[in-house]
Amino acid sequence: AADAATFERLLIPSRVVMENAGREVVRFILERY
């Protein structure tokens, strides 16, 4: 439901959300490990 709201109501493409999520995971890994 949160994804649907982001994609549909805020008009943020799912690909942009996916890229941001992946890059944030990498940032976390680089900071912690």
Full PDB file with SEQRES, HELIX, SHEET, SSBOND, CRYST1, ORIGX, SCALE, CONECT and MASTER records, all heavy atoms in Angstrom:
SEQRES   1 A   33  ALA ALA ASP ALA ALA THR PHE GLU ARG LEU LEU ILE PRO          
SEQRES   2 A   33  SER ARG VAL VAL MET GLU ASN ALA GLY ARG GLU VAL VAL          
SEQRES   3 A   33  ARG PHE ILE LEU GLU ARG TYR                                  
HELIX    1 AA1 ALA A    2  ALA A    4  1                                   3    
HELIX    2 AA2 ALA A    5  ARG A    9  3                                   5    
HELIX    3 AA3 SER A   14  ARG A   32  1                                  19    
CRYST1    1.000    1.000    1.000  90.00  90.00  90.00 P 1           1          
ORIGX1      1.000000  0.000000  0.000000        0.00000                         
ORIGX2      0.000000  1.000000  0.000000        0.00000                         
ORIGX3      0.000000  0.000000  1.000000        0.00000                         
SCALE1      1.000000  0.000000  0.000000        0.00000                         
SCALE2      0.000000  1.000000  0.000000        0.00000                         
SCALE3      0.000000  0.000000  1.000000        0.00000                         
ATOM      1  N   ALA A   1       0.833  -1.205   0.000  1.00  0.00           N  
ATOM      2  CA  ALA A   1       0.000   0.000   0.000  1.00  0.00           C  
ATOM      3  C   ALA A   1       0.867   1.255   0.000  1.00  0.00           C  
ATOM      4  O   ALA A   1       0.569   2.225  -0.703  1.00  0.00           O  
ATOM      5  CB  ALA A   1      -0.934  -0.003   1.207  1.00  0.00           C  
ATOM      6  N   ALA A   2       1.953   1.244   0.762  1.00  0.00           N  
ATOM      7  CA  ALA A   2       2.860   2.397   0.792  1.00  0.00           C  
ATOM      8  C   ALA A   2       3.521   2.587  -0.565  1.00  0.00           C  
ATOM      9  O   ALA A   2       3.657   3.719  -1.051  1.00  0.00           O  
ATOM     10  CB  ALA A   2       3.913   2.207   1.883  1.00  0.00           C  
ATOM     11  N   ASP A   3       3.936   1.494  -1.187  1.00  0.00           N  
ATOM     12  CA  ASP A   3       4.521   1.576  -2.522  1.00  0.00           C  
ATOM     13  C   ASP A   3       3.513   2.150  -3.519  1.00  0.00           C  
ATOM     14  O   ASP A   3       3.849   3.037  -4.301  1.00  0.00           O  
ATOM     15  CB  ASP A   3       4.976   0.192  -3.002  1.00  0.00           C  
ATOM     16  CG  ASP A   3       6.303  -0.241  -2.416  1.00  0.00           C  
ATOM     17  OD1 ASP A   3       7.013   0.604  -1.831  1.00  0.00           O  
ATOM     18  OD2 ASP A   3       6.637  -1.433  -2.557  1.00  0.00           O  
ATOM     19  N   ALA A   4       2.306   1.634  -3.484  1.00  0.00           N  
ATOM     20  CA  ALA A   4       1.275   2.102  -4.413  1.00  0.00           C  
ATOM     21  C   ALA A   4       1.025   3.597  -4.234  1.00  0.00           C  
ATOM     22  O   ALA A   4       0.894   4.331  -5.212  1.00  0.00           O  
ATOM     23  CB  ALA A   4      -0.019   1.316  -4.217  1.00  0.00           C  
ATOM     24  N   ALA A   5       0.981   4.049  -2.996  1.00  0.00           N  
ATOM     25  CA  ALA A   5       0.762   5.472  -2.727  1.00  0.00           C  
ATOM     26  C   ALA A   5       1.910   6.302  -3.282  1.00  0.00           C  
ATOM     27  O   ALA A   5       1.699   7.362  -3.875  1.00  0.00           O  
ATOM     28  CB  ALA A   5       0.614   5.708  -1.231  1.00  0.00           C  
ATOM     29  N   THR A   6       3.117   5.818  -3.120  1.00  0.00           N  
ATOM     30  CA  THR A   6       4.287   6.536  -3.624  1.00  0.00           C  
ATOM     31  C   THR A   6       4.258   6.610  -5.140  1.00  0.00           C  
ATOM     32  O   THR A   6       4.446   7.679  -5.721  1.00  0.00           O  
ATOM     33  CB  THR A   6       5.584   5.840  -3.164  1.00  0.00           C  
ATOM     34  OG1 THR A   6       5.616   5.826  -1.737  1.00  0.00           O  
ATOM     35  CG2 THR A   6       6.819   6.556  -3.692  1.00  0.00           C  
ATOM     36  N   PHE A   7       4.001   5.477  -5.770  1.00  0.00           N  
ATOM     37  CA  PHE A   7       4.038   5.423  -7.229  1.00  0.00           C  
ATOM     38  C   PHE A   7       2.879   6.190  -7.865  1.00  0.00           C  
ATOM     39  O   PHE A   7       3.072   6.902  -8.842  1.00  0.00           O  
ATOM     40  CB  PHE A   7       4.009   3.983  -7.720  1.00  0.00           C  
ATOM     41  CG  PHE A   7       5.093   3.108  -7.138  1.00  0.00           C  
ATOM     42  CD1 PHE A   7       4.873   1.764  -6.940  1.00  0.00           C  
ATOM     43  CD2 PHE A   7       6.334   3.619  -6.789  1.00  0.00           C  
ATOM     44  CE1 PHE A   7       5.864   0.944  -6.410  1.00  0.00           C  
ATOM     45  CE2 PHE A   7       7.318   2.815  -6.257  1.00  0.00           C  
ATOM     46  CZ  PHE A   7       7.085   1.474  -6.070  1.00  0.00           C  
ATOM     47  N   GLU A   8       1.691   6.053  -7.308  1.00  0.00           N  
ATOM     48  CA  GLU A   8       0.492   6.605  -7.943  1.00  0.00           C  
ATOM     49  C   GLU A   8       0.169   8.029  -7.499  1.00  0.00           C  
ATOM     50  O   GLU A   8      -0.053   8.904  -8.328  1.00  0.00           O  
ATOM     51  CB  GLU A   8      -0.696   5.696  -7.666  1.00  0.00           C  
ATOM     52  CG  GLU A   8      -0.540   4.326  -8.295  1.00  0.00           C  
ATOM     53  CD  GLU A   8      -1.562   3.318  -7.795  1.00  0.00           C  
ATOM     54  OE1 GLU A   8      -2.572   3.739  -7.177  1.00  0.00           O  
ATOM     55  OE2 GLU A   8      -1.336   2.117  -8.005  1.00  0.00           O  
ATOM     56  N   ARG A   9       0.132   8.256  -6.218  1.00  0.00           N  
ATOM     57  CA  ARG A   9      -0.275   9.587  -5.734  1.00  0.00           C  
ATOM     58  C   ARG A   9       0.831  10.616  -5.834  1.00  0.00           C  
ATOM     59  O   ARG A   9       0.589  11.778  -6.124  1.00  0.00           O  
ATOM     60  CB  ARG A   9      -0.784   9.497  -4.302  1.00  0.00           C  
ATOM     61  CG  ARG A   9      -2.172   8.882  -4.226  1.00  0.00           C  
ATOM     62  CD  ARG A   9      -2.677   8.941  -2.838  1.00  0.00           C  
ATOM     63  NE  ARG A   9      -2.175   7.742  -2.158  1.00  0.00           N  
ATOM     64  CZ  ARG A   9      -2.739   7.183  -1.117  1.00  0.00           C  
ATOM     65  NH1 ARG A   9      -3.805   7.722  -0.583  1.00  0.00           N  
ATOM     66  NH2 ARG A   9      -2.247   6.109  -0.585  1.00  0.00           N  
ATOM     67  N   LEU A  10       2.062  10.210  -5.561  1.00  0.00           N  
ATOM     68  CA  LEU A  10       3.171  11.162  -5.601  1.00  0.00           C  
ATOM     69  C   LEU A  10       3.855  11.198  -6.964  1.00  0.00           C  
ATOM     70  O   LEU A  10       4.764  11.992  -7.184  1.00  0.00           O  
ATOM     71  CB  LEU A  10       4.195  10.825  -4.509  1.00  0.00           C  
ATOM     72  CG  LEU A  10       3.661  10.869  -3.078  1.00  0.00           C  
ATOM     73  CD1 LEU A  10       4.762  10.466  -2.095  1.00  0.00           C  
ATOM     74  CD2 LEU A  10       3.127  12.246  -2.745  1.00  0.00           C  
ATOM     75  N   LEU A  11       3.435  10.304  -7.850  1.00  0.00           N  
ATOM     76  CA  LEU A  11       3.972  10.232  -9.216  1.00  0.00           C  
ATOM     77  C   LEU A  11       5.482  10.010  -9.253  1.00  0.00           C  
ATOM     78  O   LEU A  11       6.183  10.532 -10.118  1.00  0.00           O  
ATOM     79  CB  LEU A  11       3.593  11.492 -10.009  1.00  0.00           C  
ATOM     80  CG  LEU A  11       2.095  11.760 -10.127  1.00  0.00           C  
ATOM     81  CD1 LEU A  11       1.864  13.074 -10.850  1.00  0.00           C  
ATOM     82  CD2 LEU A  11       1.382  10.610 -10.816  1.00  0.00           C  
ATOM     83  N   ILE A  12       5.968   9.232  -8.313  1.00  0.00           N  
ATOM     84  CA  ILE A  12       7.379   8.852  -8.300  1.00  0.00           C  
ATOM     85  C   ILE A  12       7.472   7.468  -8.931  1.00  0.00           C  
ATOM     86  O   ILE A  12       6.875   6.518  -8.431  1.00  0.00           O  
ATOM     87  CB  ILE A  12       7.953   8.835  -6.868  1.00  0.00           C  
ATOM     88  CG1 ILE A  12       7.875  10.231  -6.264  1.00  0.00           C  
ATOM     89  CG2 ILE A  12       9.388   8.324  -6.880  1.00  0.00           C  
ATOM     90  CD1 ILE A  12       8.283  10.288  -4.812  1.00  0.00           C  
ATOM     91  N   PRO A  13       8.197   7.329 -10.027  1.00  0.00           N  
ATOM     92  CA  PRO A  13       8.287   6.025 -10.691  1.00  0.00           C  
ATOM     93  C   PRO A  13       8.930   4.969  -9.800  1.00  0.00           C  
ATOM     94  O   PRO A  13       9.855   5.259  -9.031  1.00  0.00           O  
ATOM     95  CB  PRO A  13       9.177   6.309 -11.913  1.00  0.00           C  
ATOM     96  CG  PRO A  13       9.134   7.786 -12.097  1.00  0.00           C  
ATOM     97  CD  PRO A  13       8.924   8.375 -10.739  1.00  0.00           C  
ATOM     98  N   SER A  14       8.450   3.735  -9.922  1.00  0.00           N  
ATOM     99  CA  SER A  14       8.987   2.650  -9.094  1.00  0.00           C  
ATOM    100  C   SER A  14      10.472   2.452  -9.312  1.00  0.00           C  
ATOM    101  O   SER A  14      11.207   2.113  -8.393  1.00  0.00           O  
ATOM    102  CB  SER A  14       8.233   1.351  -9.368  1.00  0.00           C  
ATOM    103  OG  SER A  14       8.387   0.959 -10.717  1.00  0.00           O  
ATOM    104  N   ARG A  15      10.950   2.686 -10.522  1.00  0.00           N  
ATOM    105  CA  ARG A  15      12.387   2.536 -10.815  1.00  0.00           C  
ATOM    106  C   ARG A  15      13.222   3.522  -9.995  1.00  0.00           C  
ATOM    107  O   ARG A  15      14.306   3.201  -9.516  1.00  0.00           O  
ATOM    108  CB  ARG A  15      12.628   2.732 -12.302  1.00  0.00           C  
ATOM    109  CG  ARG A  15      14.102   2.692 -12.663  1.00  0.00           C  
ATOM    110  CD  ARG A  15      14.299   2.398 -14.097  1.00  0.00           C  
ATOM    111  NE  ARG A  15      14.629   0.985 -14.139  1.00  0.00           N  
ATOM    112  CZ  ARG A  15      14.462   0.202 -15.162  1.00  0.00           C  
ATOM    113  NH1 ARG A  15      13.943   0.658 -16.252  1.00  0.00           N  
ATOM    114  NH2 ARG A  15      14.819  -1.048 -15.126  1.00  0.00           N  
ATOM    115  N   VAL A  16      12.718   4.740  -9.803  1.00  0.00           N  
ATOM    116  CA  VAL A  16      13.433   5.745  -9.004  1.00  0.00           C  
ATOM    117  C   VAL A  16      13.493   5.296  -7.539  1.00  0.00           C  
ATOM    118  O   VAL A  16      14.535   5.396  -6.892  1.00  0.00           O  
ATOM    119  CB  VAL A  16      12.757   7.129  -9.132  1.00  0.00           C  
ATOM    120  CG1 VAL A  16      13.339   8.123  -8.139  1.00  0.00           C  
ATOM    121  CG2 VAL A  16      12.897   7.651 -10.550  1.00  0.00           C  
ATOM    122  N   VAL A  17      12.383   4.785  -7.030  1.00  0.00           N  
ATOM    123  CA  VAL A  17      12.342   4.297  -5.647  1.00  0.00           C  
ATOM    124  C   VAL A  17      13.318   3.136  -5.481  1.00  0.00           C  
ATOM    125  O   VAL A  17      14.069   3.066  -4.504  1.00  0.00           O  
ATOM    126  CB  VAL A  17      10.911   3.889  -5.252  1.00  0.00           C  
ATOM    127  CG1 VAL A  17      10.883   3.243  -3.875  1.00  0.00           C  
ATOM    128  CG2 VAL A  17       9.988   5.099  -5.293  1.00  0.00           C  
ATOM    129  N   MET A  18      13.349   2.227  -6.459  1.00  0.00           N  
ATOM    130  CA  MET A  18      14.245   1.075  -6.409  1.00  0.00           C  
ATOM    131  C   MET A  18      15.706   1.520  -6.422  1.00  0.00           C  
ATOM    132  O   MET A  18      16.526   1.020  -5.631  1.00  0.00           O  
ATOM    133  CB  MET A  18      13.959   0.157  -7.591  1.00  0.00           C  
ATOM    134  CG  MET A  18      14.816  -1.080  -7.633  1.00  0.00           C  
ATOM    135  SD  MET A  18      14.365  -2.185  -8.986  1.00  0.00           S  
ATOM    136  CE  MET A  18      14.623  -1.152 -10.410  1.00  0.00           C  
ATOM    137  N   GLU A  19      16.055   2.450  -7.292  1.00  0.00           N  
ATOM    138  CA  GLU A  19      17.433   2.942  -7.349  1.00  0.00           C  
ATOM    139  C   GLU A  19      17.833   3.608  -6.032  1.00  0.00           C  
ATOM    140  O   GLU A  19      18.928   3.381  -5.523  1.00  0.00           O  
ATOM    141  CB  GLU A  19      17.599   3.936  -8.502  1.00  0.00           C  
ATOM    142  CG  GLU A  19      17.566   3.312  -9.879  1.00  0.00           C  
ATOM    143  CD  GLU A  19      18.806   2.501 -10.206  1.00  0.00           C  
ATOM    144  OE1 GLU A  19      19.898   2.813  -9.689  1.00  0.00           O  
ATOM    145  OE2 GLU A  19      18.685   1.554 -10.995  1.00  0.00           O  
ATOM    146  N   ASN A  20      16.948   4.421  -5.490  1.00  0.00           N  
ATOM    147  CA  ASN A  20      17.240   5.096  -4.220  1.00  0.00           C  
ATOM    148  C   ASN A  20      17.411   4.100  -3.090  1.00  0.00           C  
ATOM    149  O   ASN A  20      18.325   4.231  -2.268  1.00  0.00           O  
ATOM    150  CB  ASN A  20      16.155   6.104  -3.883  1.00  0.00           C  
ATOM    151  CG  ASN A  20      16.174   7.313  -4.793  1.00  0.00           C  
ATOM    152  OD1 ASN A  20      17.180   7.615  -5.417  1.00  0.00           O  
ATOM    153  ND2 ASN A  20      15.057   8.000  -4.883  1.00  0.00           N  
ATOM    154  N   ALA A  21      16.540   3.102  -3.030  1.00  0.00           N  
ATOM    155  CA  ALA A  21      16.641   2.087  -1.977  1.00  0.00           C  
ATOM    156  C   ALA A  21      17.959   1.333  -2.077  1.00  0.00           C  
ATOM    157  O   ALA A  21      18.660   1.129  -1.071  1.00  0.00           O  
ATOM    158  CB  ALA A  21      15.459   1.118  -2.063  1.00  0.00           C  
ATOM    159  N   GLY A  22      18.315   0.916  -3.271  1.00  0.00           N  
ATOM    160  CA  GLY A  22      19.566   0.184  -3.461  1.00  0.00           C  
ATOM    161  C   GLY A  22      20.783   1.004  -3.085  1.00  0.00           C  
ATOM    162  O   GLY A  22      21.706   0.522  -2.427  1.00  0.00           O  
ATOM    163  N   ARG A  23      20.798   2.266  -3.496  1.00  0.00           N  
ATOM    164  CA  ARG A  23      21.939   3.128  -3.159  1.00  0.00           C  
ATOM    165  C   ARG A  23      22.028   3.385  -1.658  1.00  0.00           C  
ATOM    166  O   ARG A  23      23.128   3.504  -1.103  1.00  0.00           O  
ATOM    167  CB  ARG A  23      21.861   4.424  -3.942  1.00  0.00           C  
ATOM    168  CG  ARG A  23      22.305   4.254  -5.388  1.00  0.00           C  
ATOM    169  CD  ARG A  23      22.579   5.589  -6.050  1.00  0.00           C  
ATOM    170  NE  ARG A  23      21.403   6.439  -6.061  1.00  0.00           N  
ATOM    171  CZ  ARG A  23      20.529   6.520  -7.059  1.00  0.00           C  
ATOM    172  NH1 ARG A  23      20.707   5.802  -8.129  1.00  0.00           N  
ATOM    173  NH2 ARG A  23      19.496   7.325  -6.989  1.00  0.00           N  
ATOM    174  N   GLU A  24      20.892   3.486  -0.988  1.00  0.00           N  
ATOM    175  CA  GLU A  24      20.917   3.681   0.469  1.00  0.00           C  
ATOM    176  C   GLU A  24      21.456   2.444   1.183  1.00  0.00           C  
ATOM    177  O   GLU A  24      22.153   2.548   2.187  1.00  0.00           O  
ATOM    178  CB  GLU A  24      19.528   4.044   0.995  1.00  0.00           C  
ATOM    179  CG  GLU A  24      19.144   5.475   0.709  1.00  0.00           C  
ATOM    180  CD  GLU A  24      20.121   6.474   1.323  1.00  0.00           C  
ATOM    181  OE1 GLU A  24      20.412   6.381   2.531  1.00  0.00           O  
ATOM    182  OE2 GLU A  24      20.603   7.348   0.583  1.00  0.00           O  
ATOM    183  N   VAL A  25      21.151   1.260   0.662  1.00  0.00           N  
ATOM    184  CA  VAL A  25      21.719   0.032   1.236  1.00  0.00           C  
ATOM    185  C   VAL A  25      23.232   0.049   1.074  1.00  0.00           C  
ATOM    186  O   VAL A  25      23.974  -0.272   2.006  1.00  0.00           O  
ATOM    187  CB  VAL A  25      21.100  -1.223   0.591  1.00  0.00           C  
ATOM    188  CG1 VAL A  25      21.866  -2.477   0.989  1.00  0.00           C  
ATOM    189  CG2 VAL A  25      19.636  -1.355   0.977  1.00  0.00           C  
ATOM    190  N   VAL A  26      23.709   0.443  -0.085  1.00  0.00           N  
ATOM    191  CA  VAL A  26      25.153   0.526  -0.310  1.00  0.00           C  
ATOM    192  C   VAL A  26      25.786   1.540   0.639  1.00  0.00           C  
ATOM    193  O   VAL A  26      26.841   1.279   1.229  1.00  0.00           O  
ATOM    194  CB  VAL A  26      25.464   0.874  -1.788  1.00  0.00           C  
ATOM    195  CG1 VAL A  26      26.938   1.204  -1.977  1.00  0.00           C  
ATOM    196  CG2 VAL A  26      25.045  -0.271  -2.692  1.00  0.00           C  
ATOM    197  N   ARG A  27      25.149   2.681   0.795  1.00  0.00           N  
ATOM    198  CA  ARG A  27      25.673   3.693   1.721  1.00  0.00           C  
ATOM    199  C   ARG A  27      25.776   3.120   3.131  1.00  0.00           C  
ATOM    200  O   ARG A  27      26.791   3.298   3.818  1.00  0.00           O  
ATOM    201  CB  ARG A  27      24.778   4.931   1.720  1.00  0.00           C  
ATOM    202  CG  ARG A  27      25.327   6.090   2.557  1.00  0.00           C  
ATOM    203  CD  ARG A  27      24.398   7.287   2.541  1.00  0.00           C  
ATOM    204  NE  ARG A  27      23.105   7.006   3.156  1.00  0.00           N  
ATOM    205  CZ  ARG A  27      22.890   6.907   4.470  1.00  0.00           C  
ATOM    206  NH1 ARG A  27      23.875   7.058   5.317  1.00  0.00           N  
ATOM    207  NH2 ARG A  27      21.681   6.661   4.941  1.00  0.00           N  
ATOM    208  N   PHE A  28      24.752   2.399   3.569  1.00  0.00           N  
ATOM    209  CA  PHE A  28      24.754   1.776   4.890  1.00  0.00           C  
ATOM    210  C   PHE A  28      25.913   0.782   5.015  1.00  0.00           C  
ATOM    211  O   PHE A  28      26.635   0.773   6.007  1.00  0.00           O  
ATOM    212  CB  PHE A  28      23.412   1.070   5.127  1.00  0.00           C  
ATOM    213  CG  PHE A  28      23.344   0.325   6.419  1.00  0.00           C  
ATOM    214  CD1 PHE A  28      23.003   0.975   7.587  1.00  0.00           C  
ATOM    215  CD2 PHE A  28      23.624  -1.031   6.467  1.00  0.00           C  
ATOM    216  CE1 PHE A  28      22.940   0.284   8.790  1.00  0.00           C  
ATOM    217  CE2 PHE A  28      23.562  -1.724   7.658  1.00  0.00           C  
ATOM    218  CZ  PHE A  28      23.221  -1.063   8.825  1.00  0.00           C  
ATOM    219  N   ILE A  29      26.093  -0.045   4.008  1.00  0.00           N  
ATOM    220  CA  ILE A  29      27.175  -1.036   4.028  1.00  0.00           C  
ATOM    221  C   ILE A  29      28.530  -0.333   4.116  1.00  0.00           C  
ATOM    222  O   ILE A  29      29.402  -0.738   4.891  1.00  0.00           O  
ATOM    223  CB  ILE A  29      27.114  -1.943   2.787  1.00  0.00           C  
ATOM    224  CG1 ILE A  29      25.868  -2.832   2.846  1.00  0.00           C  
ATOM    225  CG2 ILE A  29      28.377  -2.791   2.661  1.00  0.00           C  
ATOM    226  CD1 ILE A  29      25.584  -3.574   1.551  1.00  0.00           C  
ATOM    227  N   LEU A  30      28.712   0.714   3.314  1.00  0.00           N  
ATOM    228  CA  LEU A  30      29.990   1.436   3.317  1.00  0.00           C  
ATOM    229  C   LEU A  30      30.272   2.093   4.662  1.00  0.00           C  
ATOM    230  O   LEU A  30      31.419   2.136   5.104  1.00  0.00           O  
ATOM    231  CB  LEU A  30      30.001   2.491   2.213  1.00  0.00           C  
ATOM    232  CG  LEU A  30      30.065   1.962   0.789  1.00  0.00           C  
ATOM    233  CD1 LEU A  30      29.833   3.095  -0.209  1.00  0.00           C  
ATOM    234  CD2 LEU A  30      31.384   1.273   0.534  1.00  0.00           C  
ATOM    235  N   GLU A  31      29.227   2.598   5.307  1.00  0.00           N  
ATOM    236  CA  GLU A  31      29.413   3.254   6.612  1.00  0.00           C  
ATOM    237  C   GLU A  31      29.670   2.244   7.725  1.00  0.00           C  
ATOM    238  O   GLU A  31      30.501   2.490   8.598  1.00  0.00           O  
ATOM    239  CB  GLU A  31      28.176   4.075   6.965  1.00  0.00           C  
ATOM    240  CG  GLU A  31      28.049   5.353   6.174  1.00  0.00           C  
ATOM    241  CD  GLU A  31      26.791   6.126   6.525  1.00  0.00           C  
ATOM    242  OE1 GLU A  31      26.019   5.686   7.415  1.00  0.00           O  
ATOM    243  OE2 GLU A  31      26.559   7.182   5.907  1.00  0.00           O  
ATOM    244  N   ARG A  32      28.960   1.153   7.723  1.00  0.00           N  
ATOM    245  CA  ARG A  32      29.031   0.204   8.835  1.00  0.00           C  
ATOM    246  C   ARG A  32      30.069  -0.893   8.665  1.00  0.00           C  
ATOM    247  O   ARG A  32      30.615  -1.384   9.643  1.00  0.00           O  
ATOM    248  CB  ARG A  32      27.659  -0.468   9.041  1.00  0.00           C  
ATOM    249  CG  ARG A  32      26.568   0.463   9.448  1.00  0.00           C  
ATOM    250  CD  ARG A  32      26.521   0.603  10.970  1.00  0.00           C  
ATOM    251  NE  ARG A  32      25.467   1.508  11.367  1.00  0.00           N  
ATOM    252  CZ  ARG A  32      24.363   1.154  11.982  1.00  0.00           C  
ATOM    253  NH1 ARG A  32      24.154  -0.092  12.293  1.00  0.00           N  
ATOM    254  NH2 ARG A  32      23.467   2.064  12.309  1.00  0.00           N  
ATOM    255  N   TYR A  33      30.292  -1.343   7.433  1.00  0.00           N  
ATOM    256  CA  TYR A  33      31.128  -2.525   7.208  1.00  0.00           C  
ATOM    257  C   TYR A  33      32.161  -2.334   6.097  1.00  0.00           C  
ATOM    258  O   TYR A  33      32.333  -3.210   5.248  1.00  0.00           O  
ATOM    259  CB  TYR A  33      30.238  -3.728   6.861  1.00  0.00           C  
ATOM    260  CG  TYR A  33      29.133  -3.946   7.849  1.00  0.00           C  
ATOM    261  CD1 TYR A  33      27.820  -3.610   7.542  1.00  0.00           C  
ATOM    262  CD2 TYR A  33      29.394  -4.501   9.103  1.00  0.00           C  
ATOM    263  CE1 TYR A  33      26.791  -3.809   8.446  1.00  0.00           C  
ATOM    264  CE2 TYR A  33      28.375  -4.698  10.017  1.00  0.00           C  
ATOM    265  CZ  TYR A  33      27.076  -4.349   9.676  1.00  0.00           C  
ATOM    266  OH  TYR A  33      26.074  -4.552  10.579  1.00  0.00           O  
TER     267      TYR A  33                                                      
MASTER        0    0    0    3    0    0    0    6  266    1    0    3          
END                                                                             
